[in-house]
Amino acid sequence: MIINQLSKYLIDLKYEDIPKDAIEKAKLCFIDYLAVYLRGLESENSKIAIKTIYELYGGDFNSLNKGFINGIASHSLDLDDGHRLAQLHPGTIVFSTILAMVSDKNLDLDISVYEFFEAVIAGYEIAIVLGEMLNPNHRNQGFHSTGTIGSIASGAVASRLLGLDIEKTEHCLGLATTQSSGLLEADHAGTMGKSLHVGNAVYNGILSAFLAKNGFTGGESLIDGKEGFIKAMASKSYDDYSHEN
């Protein structure tokens, strides 16, 4: 099962295994993310989202709500980094998740720079591997990969930051997969919905990690099972798929 393979990769990844050029590229991606995110906070999308969080939660910007805002802000201008073959924007998912969690004082996540880069590389790798595997079929069926696959990638990052064991990581990825959503028609219609997909993906990824941490089950077959992600949203299956680090 694909989720088993992805979870093993998440658990096993160590900083010393990451090529130096990948670390340097990650630094550039982070700088790019911050620039786009800060400008995106001034967008109408972000202003409405922030106002809504204040109305609903009294301004309680916990990791879920921060992730939601981060995702919308960093994707509202559509200038965030992209991967052509995977047909998605990994940075907006990965960095929005990390910043939301490490800035939540209630979580008290004190991660090292090495753990930061491990989470970044893991998130990018999983987003890109899934994007390349599922597209172009997934995109041709009208799905917004950054929103759909982004939910899984965000869950991967969040589970790594929480230090979940392999079983709970598998449940996290399963839960994130079953919450995958996002239709490209939202973009074609000229709405703000495309950035909403990213906000939801980050929110759902973080939520999935905490649910799994507390015992909520997700399942290992949600991507390539009989009625899983691939069957429902990408038409074709890859029976001999194997994750290569």
C-alpha atoms as a PDB file:
ATOM      1  CA  MET A   1       0.000   0.000   0.000  1.00  0.00           C
ATOM      2  CA  ILE A   2       1.233   3.465  -0.912  1.00  0.00           C
ATOM      3  CA  ILE A   3       0.455   4.924   2.513  1.00  0.00           C
ATOM      4  CA  ASN A   4       2.666   2.261   4.133  1.00  0.00           C
ATOM      5  CA  GLN A   5       5.559   3.226   1.881  1.00  0.00           C
ATOM      6  CA  LEU A   6       5.104   6.953   2.418  1.00  0.00           C
ATOM      7  CA  SER A   7       4.875   6.483   6.179  1.00  0.00           C
ATOM      8  CA  LYS A   8       8.072   4.451   6.278  1.00  0.00           C
ATOM      9  CA  TYR A   9       9.827   7.179   4.301  1.00  0.00           C
ATOM     10  CA  LEU A  10       8.545   9.799   6.750  1.00  0.00           C
ATOM     11  CA  ILE A  11       9.750   7.872   9.770  1.00  0.00           C
ATOM     12  CA  ASP A  12      13.133   6.925   8.312  1.00  0.00           C
ATOM     13  CA  LEU A  13      14.200  10.267   6.796  1.00  0.00           C
ATOM     14  CA  LYS A  14      17.224  11.790   8.535  1.00  0.00           C
ATOM     15  CA  TYR A  15      18.884  15.128   7.945  1.00  0.00           C
ATOM     16  CA  GLU A  16      22.207  13.508   7.096  1.00  0.00           C
ATOM     17  CA  ASP A  17      20.511  11.620   4.246  1.00  0.00           C
ATOM     18  CA  ILE A  18      19.387  14.829   2.546  1.00  0.00           C
ATOM     19  CA  PRO A  19      21.669  16.089  -0.270  1.00  0.00           C
ATOM     20  CA  LYS A  20      23.226  19.498   0.376  1.00  0.00           C
ATOM     21  CA  ASP A  21      21.799  20.938  -2.829  1.00  0.00           C
ATOM     22  CA  ALA A  22      18.318  19.965  -1.651  1.00  0.00           C
ATOM     23  CA  ILE A  23      18.872  21.899   1.587  1.00  0.00           C
ATOM     24  CA  GLU A  24      20.022  24.958  -0.383  1.00  0.00           C
ATOM     25  CA  LYS A  25      16.984  24.714  -2.646  1.00  0.00           C
ATOM     26  CA  ALA A  26      14.740  24.417   0.415  1.00  0.00           C
ATOM     27  CA  LYS A  27      16.197  27.658   1.771  1.00  0.00           C
ATOM     28  CA  LEU A  28      15.375  29.465  -1.476  1.00  0.00           C
ATOM     29  CA  CYS A  29      11.866  28.007  -1.472  1.00  0.00           C
ATOM     30  CA  PHE A  30      11.323  29.232   2.088  1.00  0.00           C
ATOM     31  CA  ILE A  31      12.432  32.769   1.209  1.00  0.00           C
ATOM     32  CA  ASP A  32      10.153  32.687  -1.824  1.00  0.00           C
ATOM     33  CA  TYR A  33       7.270  31.451   0.330  1.00  0.00           C
ATOM     34  CA  LEU A  34       7.716  34.234   2.879  1.00  0.00           C
ATOM     35  CA  ALA A  35       7.726  36.922   0.193  1.00  0.00           C
ATOM     36  CA  VAL A  36       4.571  35.607  -1.457  1.00  0.00           C
ATOM     37  CA  TYR A  37       2.881  34.947   1.889  1.00  0.00           C
ATOM     38  CA  LEU A  38       3.511  38.431   3.289  1.00  0.00           C
ATOM     39  CA  ARG A  39       2.204  40.072   0.138  1.00  0.00           C
ATOM     40  CA  GLY A  40      -0.703  37.646   0.061  1.00  0.00           C
ATOM     41  CA  LEU A  41      -1.793  38.723   3.543  1.00  0.00           C
ATOM     42  CA  GLU A  42      -2.842  42.003   1.934  1.00  0.00           C
ATOM     43  CA  SER A  43      -5.111  40.272  -0.584  1.00  0.00           C
ATOM     44  CA  GLU A  44      -8.879  40.454  -0.334  1.00  0.00           C
ATOM     45  CA  ASN A  45      -8.950  36.671   0.086  1.00  0.00           C
ATOM     46  CA  SER A  46      -6.830  36.860   3.225  1.00  0.00           C
ATOM     47  CA  LYS A  47      -8.661  39.826   4.693  1.00  0.00           C
ATOM     48  CA  ILE A  48     -11.992  38.048   4.373  1.00  0.00           C
ATOM     49  CA  ALA A  49     -10.577  34.815   5.814  1.00  0.00           C
ATOM     50  CA  ILE A  50      -9.032  36.605   8.804  1.00  0.00           C
ATOM     51  CA  LYS A  51     -12.249  38.527   9.431  1.00  0.00           C
ATOM     52  CA  THR A  52     -14.183  35.266   9.332  1.00  0.00           C
ATOM     53  CA  ILE A  53     -11.871  33.586  11.852  1.00  0.00           C
ATOM     54  CA  TYR A  54     -12.360  36.541  14.194  1.00  0.00           C
ATOM     55  CA  GLU A  55     -16.139  36.269  13.837  1.00  0.00           C
ATOM     56  CA  LEU A  56     -16.263  32.527  14.392  1.00  0.00           C
ATOM     57  CA  TYR A  57     -13.488  32.003  16.932  1.00  0.00           C
ATOM     58  CA  GLY A  58     -12.962  35.385  18.546  1.00  0.00           C
ATOM     59  CA  GLY A  59      -9.528  35.653  17.002  1.00  0.00           C
ATOM     60  CA  ASP A  60      -8.309  32.315  18.366  1.00  0.00           C
ATOM     61  CA  PHE A  61      -5.453  31.652  15.975  1.00  0.00           C
ATOM     62  CA  ASN A  62      -4.539  28.129  16.987  1.00  0.00           C
ATOM     63  CA  SER A  63      -2.554  25.918  14.620  1.00  0.00           C
ATOM     64  CA  LEU A  64      -5.653  24.939  12.636  1.00  0.00           C
ATOM     65  CA  ASN A  65      -6.816  28.492  12.050  1.00  0.00           C
ATOM     66  CA  LYS A  66      -3.280  29.714  11.415  1.00  0.00           C
ATOM     67  CA  GLY A  67      -2.795  26.963   8.875  1.00  0.00           C
ATOM     68  CA  PHE A  68      -6.042  27.930   7.178  1.00  0.00           C
ATOM     69  CA  ILE A  69      -4.978  31.585   6.906  1.00  0.00           C
ATOM     70  CA  ASN A  70      -1.414  30.709   5.910  1.00  0.00           C
ATOM     71  CA  GLY A  71      -2.633  28.523   3.074  1.00  0.00           C
ATOM     72  CA  ILE A  72      -5.023  31.127   1.720  1.00  0.00           C
ATOM     73  CA  ALA A  73      -2.528  33.988   1.998  1.00  0.00           C
ATOM     74  CA  SER A  74       0.366  32.147   0.377  1.00  0.00           C
ATOM     75  CA  HIS A  75      -1.737  30.965  -2.576  1.00  0.00           C
ATOM     76  CA  SER A  76      -3.992  33.972  -3.107  1.00  0.00           C
ATOM     77  CA  LEU A  77      -1.639  35.583  -5.652  1.00  0.00           C
ATOM     78  CA  ASP A  78      -0.791  32.275  -7.363  1.00  0.00           C
ATOM     79  CA  LEU A  79       2.899  33.194  -7.273  1.00  0.00           C
ATOM     80  CA  ASP A  80       3.992  30.391  -4.936  1.00  0.00           C
ATOM     81  CA  ASP A  81       6.526  27.844  -6.155  1.00  0.00           C
ATOM     82  CA  GLY A  82       5.277  25.100  -8.422  1.00  0.00           C
ATOM     83  CA  HIS A  83       6.375  21.737  -9.801  1.00  0.00           C
ATOM     84  CA  ARG A  84       5.467  21.358 -13.465  1.00  0.00           C
ATOM     85  CA  LEU A  85       5.360  17.559 -13.650  1.00  0.00           C
ATOM     86  CA  ALA A  86       3.565  17.145 -10.321  1.00  0.00           C
ATOM     87  CA  GLN A  87       1.190  19.976 -11.328  1.00  0.00           C
ATOM     88  CA  LEU A  88       0.958  21.448  -7.856  1.00  0.00           C
ATOM     89  CA  HIS A  89       2.414  24.087  -5.524  1.00  0.00           C
ATOM     90  CA  PRO A  90       4.242  22.248  -2.704  1.00  0.00           C
ATOM     91  CA  GLY A  91       5.688  25.216  -0.796  1.00  0.00           C
ATOM     92  CA  THR A  92       2.370  26.794   0.107  1.00  0.00           C
ATOM     93  CA  ILE A  93       1.340  23.520   1.757  1.00  0.00           C
ATOM     94  CA  VAL A  94       4.598  22.596   3.445  1.00  0.00           C
ATOM     95  CA  PHE A  95       5.617  25.940   4.919  1.00  0.00           C
ATOM     96  CA  SER A  96       2.064  26.945   5.844  1.00  0.00           C
ATOM     97  CA  THR A  97       1.792  23.770   7.908  1.00  0.00           C
ATOM     98  CA  ILE A  98       5.146  24.162   9.628  1.00  0.00           C
ATOM     99  CA  LEU A  99       4.695  27.835  10.514  1.00  0.00           C
ATOM    100  CA  ALA A 100       1.178  27.250  11.816  1.00  0.00           C
ATOM    101  CA  MET A 101       2.325  24.520  14.164  1.00  0.00           C
ATOM    102  CA  VAL A 102       5.591  25.953  15.462  1.00  0.00           C
ATOM    103  CA  SER A 103       3.957  29.339  16.153  1.00  0.00           C
ATOM    104  CA  ASP A 104       1.133  27.824  18.219  1.00  0.00           C
ATOM    105  CA  LYS A 105       2.183  28.411  21.827  1.00  0.00           C
ATOM    106  CA  ASN A 106      -0.222  25.741  23.028  1.00  0.00           C
ATOM    107  CA  LEU A 107       1.747  23.068  21.166  1.00  0.00           C
ATOM    108  CA  ASP A 108       5.146  24.121  22.480  1.00  0.00           C
ATOM    109  CA  LEU A 109       6.960  22.631  19.493  1.00  0.00           C
ATOM    110  CA  ASP A 110      10.626  23.464  19.870  1.00  0.00           C
ATOM    111  CA  ILE A 111      12.129  22.062  16.683  1.00  0.00           C
ATOM    112  CA  SER A 112      15.750  22.306  15.613  1.00  0.00           C
ATOM    113  CA  VAL A 113      16.892  23.615  12.245  1.00  0.00           C
ATOM    114  CA  TYR A 114      17.607  20.001  11.290  1.00  0.00           C
ATOM    115  CA  GLU A 115      14.056  18.949  12.142  1.00  0.00           C
ATOM    116  CA  PHE A 116      12.767  21.925  10.175  1.00  0.00           C
ATOM    117  CA  PHE A 117      14.539  20.799   7.018  1.00  0.00           C
ATOM    118  CA  GLU A 118      13.541  17.172   7.554  1.00  0.00           C
ATOM    119  CA  ALA A 119       9.888  18.246   7.625  1.00  0.00           C
ATOM    120  CA  VAL A 120      10.337  20.497   4.595  1.00  0.00           C
ATOM    121  CA  ILE A 121      12.035  17.859   2.459  1.00  0.00           C
ATOM    122  CA  ALA A 122       9.566  15.165   3.514  1.00  0.00           C
ATOM    123  CA  GLY A 123       6.613  17.374   2.635  1.00  0.00           C
ATOM    124  CA  TYR A 124       7.998  18.376  -0.752  1.00  0.00           C
ATOM    125  CA  GLU A 125       8.988  14.815  -1.593  1.00  0.00           C
ATOM    126  CA  ILE A 126       5.590  13.345  -0.788  1.00  0.00           C
ATOM    127  CA  ALA A 127       3.676  16.110  -2.573  1.00  0.00           C
ATOM    128  CA  ILE A 128       5.803  15.795  -5.706  1.00  0.00           C
ATOM    129  CA  VAL A 129       5.879  11.983  -5.782  1.00  0.00           C
ATOM    130  CA  LEU A 130       2.091  11.804  -5.492  1.00  0.00           C
ATOM    131  CA  GLY A 131       1.608  14.616  -7.989  1.00  0.00           C
ATOM    132  CA  GLU A 132       3.806  12.956 -10.595  1.00  0.00           C
ATOM    133  CA  MET A 133       2.128   9.614 -10.011  1.00  0.00           C
ATOM    134  CA  LEU A 134      -1.472  10.822 -10.185  1.00  0.00           C
ATOM    135  CA  ASN A 135      -1.220  13.489 -12.872  1.00  0.00           C
ATOM    136  CA  PRO A 136      -2.156  14.299 -15.568  1.00  0.00           C
ATOM    137  CA  ASN A 137      -5.184  12.042 -14.986  1.00  0.00           C
ATOM    138  CA  HIS A 138      -6.084  13.709 -11.696  1.00  0.00           C
ATOM    139  CA  ARG A 139      -5.876  17.213 -13.118  1.00  0.00           C
ATOM    140  CA  ASN A 140      -7.708  16.201 -16.302  1.00  0.00           C
ATOM    141  CA  GLN A 141     -10.664  15.132 -14.180  1.00  0.00           C
ATOM    142  CA  GLY A 142     -10.927  18.684 -12.869  1.00  0.00           C
ATOM    143  CA  PHE A 143      -9.154  18.385  -9.535  1.00  0.00           C
ATOM    144  CA  HIS A 144      -6.848  21.034  -8.057  1.00  0.00           C
ATOM    145  CA  SER A 145      -3.816  19.007  -7.015  1.00  0.00           C
ATOM    146  CA  THR A 146      -2.525  21.565  -4.524  1.00  0.00           C
ATOM    147  CA  GLY A 147      -5.772  21.229  -2.616  1.00  0.00           C
ATOM    148  CA  THR A 148      -6.206  17.482  -2.913  1.00  0.00           C
ATOM    149  CA  ILE A 149      -2.675  16.111  -2.715  1.00  0.00           C
ATOM    150  CA  GLY A 150      -1.837  19.060  -0.487  1.00  0.00           C
ATOM    151  CA  SER A 151      -4.032  17.641   2.248  1.00  0.00           C
ATOM    152  CA  ILE A 152      -1.903  14.486   2.285  1.00  0.00           C
ATOM    153  CA  ALA A 153       1.378  16.402   2.167  1.00  0.00           C
ATOM    154  CA  SER A 154       0.271  18.646   5.012  1.00  0.00           C
ATOM    155  CA  GLY A 155      -0.671  15.601   7.059  1.00  0.00           C
ATOM    156  CA  ALA A 156       2.767  14.163   6.360  1.00  0.00           C
ATOM    157  CA  VAL A 157       4.493  17.320   7.586  1.00  0.00           C
ATOM    158  CA  ALA A 158       2.273  17.577  10.666  1.00  0.00           C
ATOM    159  CA  SER A 159       2.780  13.931  11.612  1.00  0.00           C
ATOM    160  CA  ARG A 160       6.532  14.375  11.291  1.00  0.00           C
ATOM    161  CA  LEU A 161       6.501  17.454  13.537  1.00  0.00           C
ATOM    162  CA  LEU A 162       4.426  15.620  16.148  1.00  0.00           C
ATOM    163  CA  GLY A 163       6.757  12.630  16.054  1.00  0.00           C
ATOM    164  CA  LEU A 164       4.002  10.110  15.376  1.00  0.00           C
ATOM    165  CA  ASP A 165       4.974   6.458  15.147  1.00  0.00           C
ATOM    166  CA  ILE A 166       4.512   4.625  11.866  1.00  0.00           C
ATOM    167  CA  GLU A 167       1.041   3.268  12.684  1.00  0.00           C
ATOM    168  CA  LYS A 168      -0.324   6.677  13.646  1.00  0.00           C
ATOM    169  CA  THR A 169       1.405   8.249  10.651  1.00  0.00           C
ATOM    170  CA  GLU A 170      -0.433   5.806   8.399  1.00  0.00           C
ATOM    171  CA  HIS A 171      -3.729   6.737  10.021  1.00  0.00           C
ATOM    172  CA  CYS A 172      -2.910  10.423   9.637  1.00  0.00           C
ATOM    173  CA  LEU A 173      -2.233  10.042   5.916  1.00  0.00           C
ATOM    174  CA  GLY A 174      -5.411   8.019   5.513  1.00  0.00           C
ATOM    175  CA  LEU A 175      -7.481  10.688   7.257  1.00  0.00           C
ATOM    176  CA  ALA A 176      -5.852  13.444   5.209  1.00  0.00           C
ATOM    177  CA  THR A 177      -6.525  11.508   2.009  1.00  0.00           C
ATOM    178  CA  THR A 178     -10.223  11.042   2.669  1.00  0.00           C
ATOM    179  CA  GLN A 179     -10.557  14.800   3.232  1.00  0.00           C
ATOM    180  CA  SER A 180      -8.877  15.684  -0.077  1.00  0.00           C
ATOM    181  CA  SER A 181     -10.866  18.202  -2.079  1.00  0.00           C
ATOM    182  CA  GLY A 182     -10.596  21.031  -4.564  1.00  0.00           C
ATOM    183  CA  LEU A 183     -12.145  21.607  -8.007  1.00  0.00           C
ATOM    184  CA  LEU A 184     -10.348  23.598 -10.699  1.00  0.00           C
ATOM    185  CA  GLU A 185     -13.678  25.067 -11.750  1.00  0.00           C
ATOM    186  CA  ALA A 186     -13.290  27.409  -8.777  1.00  0.00           C
ATOM    187  CA  ASP A 187     -10.373  28.950 -10.675  1.00  0.00           C
ATOM    188  CA  HIS A 188     -12.071  28.928 -14.069  1.00  0.00           C
ATOM    189  CA  ALA A 189     -15.068  30.690 -12.524  1.00  0.00           C
ATOM    190  CA  GLY A 190     -12.806  33.493 -11.322  1.00  0.00           C
ATOM    191  CA  THR A 191     -13.541  32.974  -7.629  1.00  0.00           C
ATOM    192  CA  MET A 192     -11.436  32.924  -4.469  1.00  0.00           C
ATOM    193  CA  GLY A 193     -12.072  29.208  -4.110  1.00  0.00           C
ATOM    194  CA  LYS A 194      -8.660  28.138  -5.409  1.00  0.00           C
ATOM    195  CA  SER A 195      -6.886  29.675  -2.418  1.00  0.00           C
ATOM    196  CA  LEU A 196      -9.560  28.200  -0.142  1.00  0.00           C
ATOM    197  CA  HIS A 197      -8.498  24.739  -1.317  1.00  0.00           C
ATOM    198  CA  VAL A 198      -5.031  25.342   0.087  1.00  0.00           C
ATOM    199  CA  GLY A 199      -6.306  26.726   3.375  1.00  0.00           C
ATOM    200  CA  ASN A 200      -8.502  23.668   3.761  1.00  0.00           C
ATOM    201  CA  ALA A 201      -5.665  21.310   2.819  1.00  0.00           C
ATOM    202  CA  VAL A 202      -3.404  22.691   5.547  1.00  0.00           C
ATOM    203  CA  TYR A 203      -6.241  22.734   8.081  1.00  0.00           C
ATOM    204  CA  ASN A 204      -7.170  19.137   7.255  1.00  0.00           C
ATOM    205  CA  GLY A 205      -3.574  17.941   7.310  1.00  0.00           C
ATOM    206  CA  ILE A 206      -2.938  19.327  10.780  1.00  0.00           C
ATOM    207  CA  LEU A 207      -6.298  18.081  12.044  1.00  0.00           C
ATOM    208  CA  SER A 208      -5.574  14.607  10.664  1.00  0.00           C
ATOM    209  CA  ALA A 209      -2.269  14.443  12.530  1.00  0.00           C
ATOM    210  CA  PHE A 210      -3.860  15.334  15.853  1.00  0.00           C
ATOM    211  CA  LEU A 211      -6.777  12.966  15.329  1.00  0.00           C
ATOM    212  CA  ALA A 212      -4.350  10.140  14.566  1.00  0.00           C
ATOM    213  CA  LYS A 213      -2.211  11.094  17.559  1.00  0.00           C
ATOM    214  CA  ASN A 214      -5.248  10.629  19.787  1.00  0.00           C
ATOM    215  CA  GLY A 215      -6.298   7.296  18.303  1.00  0.00           C
ATOM    216  CA  PHE A 216      -8.597   8.197  15.392  1.00  0.00           C
ATOM    217  CA  THR A 217      -8.091   5.666  12.595  1.00  0.00           C
ATOM    218  CA  GLY A 218      -7.619   6.486   8.933  1.00  0.00           C
ATOM    219  CA  GLY A 219      -6.532   3.334   7.137  1.00  0.00           C
ATOM    220  CA  GLU A 220      -3.656   2.363   4.869  1.00  0.00           C
ATOM    221  CA  SER A 221      -5.699   1.736   1.707  1.00  0.00           C
ATOM    222  CA  LEU A 222      -7.139   5.217   1.207  1.00  0.00           C
ATOM    223  CA  ILE A 223      -4.875   6.083  -1.738  1.00  0.00           C
ATOM    224  CA  ASP A 224      -4.714   2.858  -3.745  1.00  0.00           C
ATOM    225  CA  GLY A 225      -7.540   0.780  -2.295  1.00  0.00           C
ATOM    226  CA  LYS A 226     -10.570  -0.561  -4.149  1.00  0.00           C
ATOM    227  CA  GLU A 227     -12.452   2.720  -3.806  1.00  0.00           C
ATOM    228  CA  GLY A 228      -9.573   4.957  -2.813  1.00  0.00           C
ATOM    229  CA  PHE A 229      -8.119   8.212  -4.103  1.00  0.00           C
ATOM    230  CA  ILE A 230      -6.679   6.777  -7.327  1.00  0.00           C
ATOM    231  CA  LYS A 231      -9.879   4.974  -8.318  1.00  0.00           C
ATOM    232  CA  ALA A 232     -12.112   7.914  -7.464  1.00  0.00           C
ATOM    233  CA  MET A 233      -9.993  10.854  -8.564  1.00  0.00           C
ATOM    234  CA  ALA A 234      -7.264   9.735 -10.963  1.00  0.00           C
ATOM    235  CA  SER A 235      -8.803   6.981 -13.127  1.00  0.00           C
ATOM    236  CA  LYS A 236      -5.716   4.805 -13.438  1.00  0.00           C
ATOM    237  CA  SER A 237      -3.833   2.743 -10.883  1.00  0.00           C
ATOM    238  CA  TYR A 238      -0.122   1.969 -10.633  1.00  0.00           C
ATOM    239  CA  ASP A 239       0.086  -1.519  -9.166  1.00  0.00           C
ATOM    240  CA  ASP A 240       3.870  -1.651  -9.212  1.00  0.00           C
ATOM    241  CA  TYR A 241       4.342   1.773  -7.656  1.00  0.00           C
ATOM    242  CA  SER A 242       7.263   1.916  -5.237  1.00  0.00           C
ATOM    243  CA  HIS A 243       8.569   4.979  -3.466  1.00  0.00           C
ATOM    244  CA  GLU A 244      12.190   5.771  -4.190  1.00  0.00           C
ATOM    245  CA  ASN A 245      13.949   8.097  -1.811  1.00  0.00           C
END
